[in-house]
Amino acid sequence: MTDASPMPQADVHLERTAFGELVWTGSQGLQVAGVVPVRAFPIQAPQDGISLVDPEGHEVAWFPRLDAIPQPARGLIEEELARREFI
């Protein structure tokens, strides 16, 4: 079961493992390893519409604005986006 609704700030829990993959923990305790952040509008509105997708491409979380995500989760998302967009 996924929770693709906007998450209250207190429920945003994202961490990086020793192997470098991101692990999302949803509001109901569901953990999803290997999530990847994806911009909905990377050119037109890069700060709007950030999705976290699992390794199969299913959305597990949606954030209307990047700047609304609290730290340290926002920092991890920004790092991953920068790495992905650099390649």
N, C-alpha and C. Protein backbone atom coordinates (compact mmCIF):
# COMPACT_ATOMS: atom_id res chain seq x y z
N MET A 1 0.85 -1.18 0.00
CA MET A 1 0.00 0.00 0.00
C MET A 1 0.89 1.24 0.00
N THR A 2 0.61 2.17 -0.87
CA THR A 2 1.40 3.39 -0.92
C THR A 2 0.58 4.56 -0.41
N ASP A 3 1.28 5.59 -0.01
CA ASP A 3 0.63 6.79 0.51
C ASP A 3 1.13 7.96 -0.33
N ALA A 4 0.44 8.27 -1.44
CA ALA A 4 0.90 9.27 -2.38
C ALA A 4 0.29 10.64 -2.15
N SER A 5 -0.26 10.86 -0.98
CA SER A 5 -0.83 12.18 -0.68
C SER A 5 0.25 13.08 -0.11
N PRO A 6 0.02 14.42 -0.17
CA PRO A 6 1.01 15.31 0.45
C PRO A 6 1.17 14.95 1.92
N MET A 7 2.40 14.87 2.37
CA MET A 7 2.66 14.44 3.73
C MET A 7 2.77 15.63 4.66
N PRO A 8 2.14 15.56 5.84
CA PRO A 8 2.38 16.60 6.84
C PRO A 8 3.88 16.63 7.16
N GLN A 9 4.40 17.79 7.45
CA GLN A 9 5.83 17.92 7.65
C GLN A 9 6.37 16.98 8.72
N ALA A 10 5.62 16.74 9.76
CA ALA A 10 6.10 15.87 10.83
C ALA A 10 6.28 14.43 10.34
N ASP A 11 5.61 14.05 9.25
CA ASP A 11 5.65 12.68 8.77
C ASP A 11 6.71 12.42 7.70
N VAL A 12 7.49 13.44 7.34
CA VAL A 12 8.49 13.27 6.31
C VAL A 12 9.72 12.62 6.92
N HIS A 13 9.95 11.36 6.57
CA HIS A 13 11.13 10.66 7.09
C HIS A 13 11.84 9.97 5.94
N LEU A 14 13.04 10.46 5.67
CA LEU A 14 13.85 9.94 4.58
C LEU A 14 15.27 9.82 5.10
N GLU A 15 15.92 8.71 4.78
CA GLU A 15 17.30 8.53 5.20
C GLU A 15 18.09 7.82 4.11
N ARG A 16 19.41 7.97 4.16
CA ARG A 16 20.29 7.32 3.19
C ARG A 16 20.98 6.16 3.90
N THR A 17 21.01 5.01 3.26
CA THR A 17 21.68 3.84 3.83
C THR A 17 23.18 3.94 3.60
N ALA A 18 23.92 3.03 4.21
CA ALA A 18 25.37 2.97 4.02
C ALA A 18 25.72 2.68 2.56
N PHE A 19 24.79 2.11 1.80
CA PHE A 19 25.02 1.81 0.39
C PHE A 19 24.59 2.96 -0.52
N GLY A 20 24.10 4.05 0.07
CA GLY A 20 23.74 5.23 -0.70
C GLY A 20 22.32 5.30 -1.20
N GLU A 21 21.49 4.29 -0.92
CA GLU A 21 20.12 4.36 -1.39
C GLU A 21 19.24 5.07 -0.37
N LEU A 22 18.18 5.71 -0.88
CA LEU A 22 17.25 6.42 -0.02
C LEU A 22 16.16 5.46 0.46
N VAL A 23 15.79 5.59 1.72
CA VAL A 23 14.71 4.79 2.31
C VAL A 23 13.65 5.75 2.83
N TRP A 24 12.44 5.60 2.35
CA TRP A 24 11.29 6.40 2.76
C TRP A 24 10.49 5.62 3.79
N THR A 25 10.12 6.29 4.87
CA THR A 25 9.21 5.71 5.86
C THR A 25 7.95 6.55 5.85
N GLY A 26 6.84 5.94 5.46
CA GLY A 26 5.57 6.65 5.36
C GLY A 26 4.92 6.86 6.71
N SER A 27 3.81 7.58 6.70
CA SER A 27 3.11 7.94 7.93
C SER A 27 2.57 6.73 8.69
N GLN A 28 2.37 5.62 8.00
CA GLN A 28 1.84 4.42 8.66
C GLN A 28 2.95 3.42 8.96
N GLY A 29 4.21 3.85 8.84
CA GLY A 29 5.33 2.98 9.17
C GLY A 29 5.85 2.14 8.02
N LEU A 30 5.23 2.23 6.86
CA LEU A 30 5.68 1.47 5.70
C LEU A 30 7.04 1.99 5.25
N GLN A 31 8.03 1.11 5.12
CA GLN A 31 9.35 1.51 4.63
C GLN A 31 9.53 1.04 3.20
N VAL A 32 10.06 1.94 2.38
CA VAL A 32 10.33 1.63 0.98
C VAL A 32 11.77 1.99 0.69
N ALA A 33 12.57 0.99 0.35
CA ALA A 33 13.99 1.21 0.05
C ALA A 33 14.17 1.50 -1.43
N GLY A 34 15.18 2.30 -1.74
CA GLY A 34 15.52 2.58 -3.13
C GLY A 34 14.64 3.61 -3.80
N VAL A 35 14.03 4.51 -3.02
CA VAL A 35 13.19 5.54 -3.63
C VAL A 35 14.05 6.55 -4.37
N VAL A 36 13.45 7.15 -5.39
CA VAL A 36 14.14 8.13 -6.23
C VAL A 36 13.23 9.36 -6.35
N PRO A 37 13.77 10.57 -6.11
CA PRO A 37 12.97 11.77 -6.31
C PRO A 37 12.90 12.11 -7.80
N VAL A 38 11.72 12.57 -8.22
CA VAL A 38 11.50 12.94 -9.62
C VAL A 38 10.75 14.26 -9.65
N ARG A 39 11.22 15.17 -10.49
CA ARG A 39 10.53 16.45 -10.65
C ARG A 39 9.40 16.28 -11.65
N ALA A 40 8.23 16.82 -11.34
CA ALA A 40 7.10 16.75 -12.26
C ALA A 40 7.31 17.68 -13.45
N PHE A 41 7.87 18.86 -13.19
CA PHE A 41 8.08 19.86 -14.23
C PHE A 41 9.52 20.37 -14.14
N PRO A 42 10.51 19.57 -14.57
CA PRO A 42 11.91 19.91 -14.33
C PRO A 42 12.38 21.20 -14.98
N ILE A 43 11.79 21.62 -16.08
CA ILE A 43 12.24 22.83 -16.76
C ILE A 43 11.35 24.01 -16.42
N GLN A 44 10.05 23.83 -16.51
CA GLN A 44 9.11 24.93 -16.30
C GLN A 44 8.99 25.35 -14.84
N ALA A 45 8.98 24.41 -13.93
CA ALA A 45 8.79 24.72 -12.51
C ALA A 45 9.56 23.70 -11.66
N PRO A 46 10.89 23.80 -11.61
CA PRO A 46 11.69 22.78 -10.93
C PRO A 46 11.44 22.66 -9.43
N GLN A 47 10.89 23.68 -8.80
CA GLN A 47 10.62 23.63 -7.36
C GLN A 47 9.22 23.09 -7.05
N ASP A 48 8.40 22.90 -8.07
CA ASP A 48 7.02 22.43 -7.88
C ASP A 48 6.90 20.96 -8.28
N GLY A 49 6.13 20.23 -7.50
CA GLY A 49 5.81 18.86 -7.86
C GLY A 49 6.98 17.91 -7.78
N ILE A 50 7.29 17.45 -6.57
CA ILE A 50 8.36 16.48 -6.36
C ILE A 50 7.71 15.17 -5.92
N SER A 51 8.06 14.12 -6.62
CA SER A 51 7.51 12.80 -6.32
C SER A 51 8.64 11.89 -5.88
N LEU A 52 8.35 11.00 -4.94
CA LEU A 52 9.28 9.92 -4.61
C LEU A 52 8.70 8.65 -5.18
N VAL A 53 9.48 7.96 -6.00
CA VAL A 53 9.00 6.72 -6.61
C VAL A 53 9.86 5.55 -6.16
N ASP A 54 9.22 4.39 -6.06
CA ASP A 54 9.94 3.19 -5.66
C ASP A 54 10.69 2.62 -6.86
N PRO A 55 11.49 1.57 -6.67
CA PRO A 55 12.27 1.02 -7.78
C PRO A 55 11.44 0.53 -8.97
N GLU A 56 10.17 0.24 -8.75
CA GLU A 56 9.29 -0.19 -9.84
C GLU A 56 8.61 0.99 -10.53
N GLY A 57 8.85 2.21 -10.04
CA GLY A 57 8.26 3.40 -10.64
C GLY A 57 6.93 3.83 -10.06
N HIS A 58 6.51 3.21 -8.95
CA HIS A 58 5.26 3.59 -8.29
C HIS A 58 5.51 4.74 -7.32
N GLU A 59 4.65 5.72 -7.36
CA GLU A 59 4.79 6.87 -6.47
C GLU A 59 4.45 6.48 -5.04
N VAL A 60 5.35 6.85 -4.11
CA VAL A 60 5.09 6.57 -2.70
C VAL A 60 4.83 7.85 -1.92
N ALA A 61 5.24 9.00 -2.45
CA ALA A 61 4.98 10.28 -1.79
C ALA A 61 4.99 11.40 -2.83
N TRP A 62 4.21 12.43 -2.55
CA TRP A 62 4.11 13.59 -3.44
C TRP A 62 4.22 14.85 -2.59
N PHE A 63 5.03 15.78 -3.06
CA PHE A 63 5.20 17.06 -2.38
C PHE A 63 4.90 18.17 -3.37
N PRO A 64 3.96 19.05 -3.08
CA PRO A 64 3.63 20.13 -4.01
C PRO A 64 4.80 21.08 -4.25
N ARG A 65 5.63 21.31 -3.22
CA ARG A 65 6.77 22.23 -3.35
C ARG A 65 7.99 21.66 -2.64
N LEU A 66 9.14 21.78 -3.27
CA LEU A 66 10.38 21.31 -2.68
C LEU A 66 10.70 22.07 -1.40
N ASP A 67 10.47 23.38 -1.40
CA ASP A 67 10.82 24.17 -0.22
C ASP A 67 9.89 23.93 0.97
N ALA A 68 8.82 23.17 0.79
CA ALA A 68 7.92 22.84 1.89
C ALA A 68 8.37 21.58 2.63
N ILE A 69 9.34 20.88 2.09
CA ILE A 69 9.83 19.66 2.73
C ILE A 69 10.84 20.07 3.80
N PRO A 70 10.65 19.60 5.03
CA PRO A 70 11.58 19.98 6.10
C PRO A 70 12.95 19.31 5.94
N GLN A 71 13.96 19.96 6.50
CA GLN A 71 15.28 19.36 6.57
C GLN A 71 15.24 18.27 7.63
N PRO A 72 16.00 17.22 7.55
CA PRO A 72 17.05 16.92 6.59
C PRO A 72 16.57 16.22 5.32
N ALA A 73 15.27 15.88 5.26
CA ALA A 73 14.75 15.17 4.08
C ALA A 73 14.95 15.99 2.80
N ARG A 74 14.72 17.31 2.88
CA ARG A 74 14.88 18.16 1.70
C ARG A 74 16.32 18.11 1.18
N GLY A 75 17.28 18.13 2.08
CA GLY A 75 18.68 18.06 1.68
C GLY A 75 19.00 16.77 0.95
N LEU A 76 18.46 15.65 1.44
CA LEU A 76 18.69 14.37 0.77
C LEU A 76 18.06 14.36 -0.62
N ILE A 77 16.86 14.92 -0.72
CA ILE A 77 16.17 14.98 -2.01
C ILE A 77 16.94 15.86 -2.98
N GLU A 78 17.41 17.02 -2.51
CA GLU A 78 18.18 17.92 -3.37
C GLU A 78 19.48 17.28 -3.83
N GLU A 79 20.16 16.56 -2.94
CA GLU A 79 21.39 15.85 -3.31
C GLU A 79 21.12 14.82 -4.41
N GLU A 80 20.05 14.05 -4.23
CA GLU A 80 19.73 13.01 -5.20
C GLU A 80 19.31 13.60 -6.53
N LEU A 81 18.53 14.68 -6.50
CA LEU A 81 18.14 15.35 -7.75
C LEU A 81 19.36 15.89 -8.47
N ALA A 82 20.28 16.50 -7.74
CA ALA A 82 21.49 17.04 -8.35
C ALA A 82 22.32 15.93 -8.98
N ARG A 83 22.45 14.82 -8.29
CA ARG A 83 23.21 13.68 -8.83
C ARG A 83 22.54 13.14 -10.09
N ARG A 84 21.26 12.99 -10.04
CA ARG A 84 20.51 12.43 -11.17
C ARG A 84 20.53 13.38 -12.38
N GLU A 85 20.38 14.68 -12.12
CA GLU A 85 20.35 15.64 -13.21
C GLU A 85 21.73 15.90 -13.79
N PHE A 86 22.78 15.70 -13.03
CA PHE A 86 24.14 15.84 -13.52
C PHE A 86 24.45 14.78 -14.56
N ILE A 87 23.99 13.56 -14.30
CA ILE A 87 24.23 12.45 -15.22
C ILE A 87 23.43 12.67 -16.47
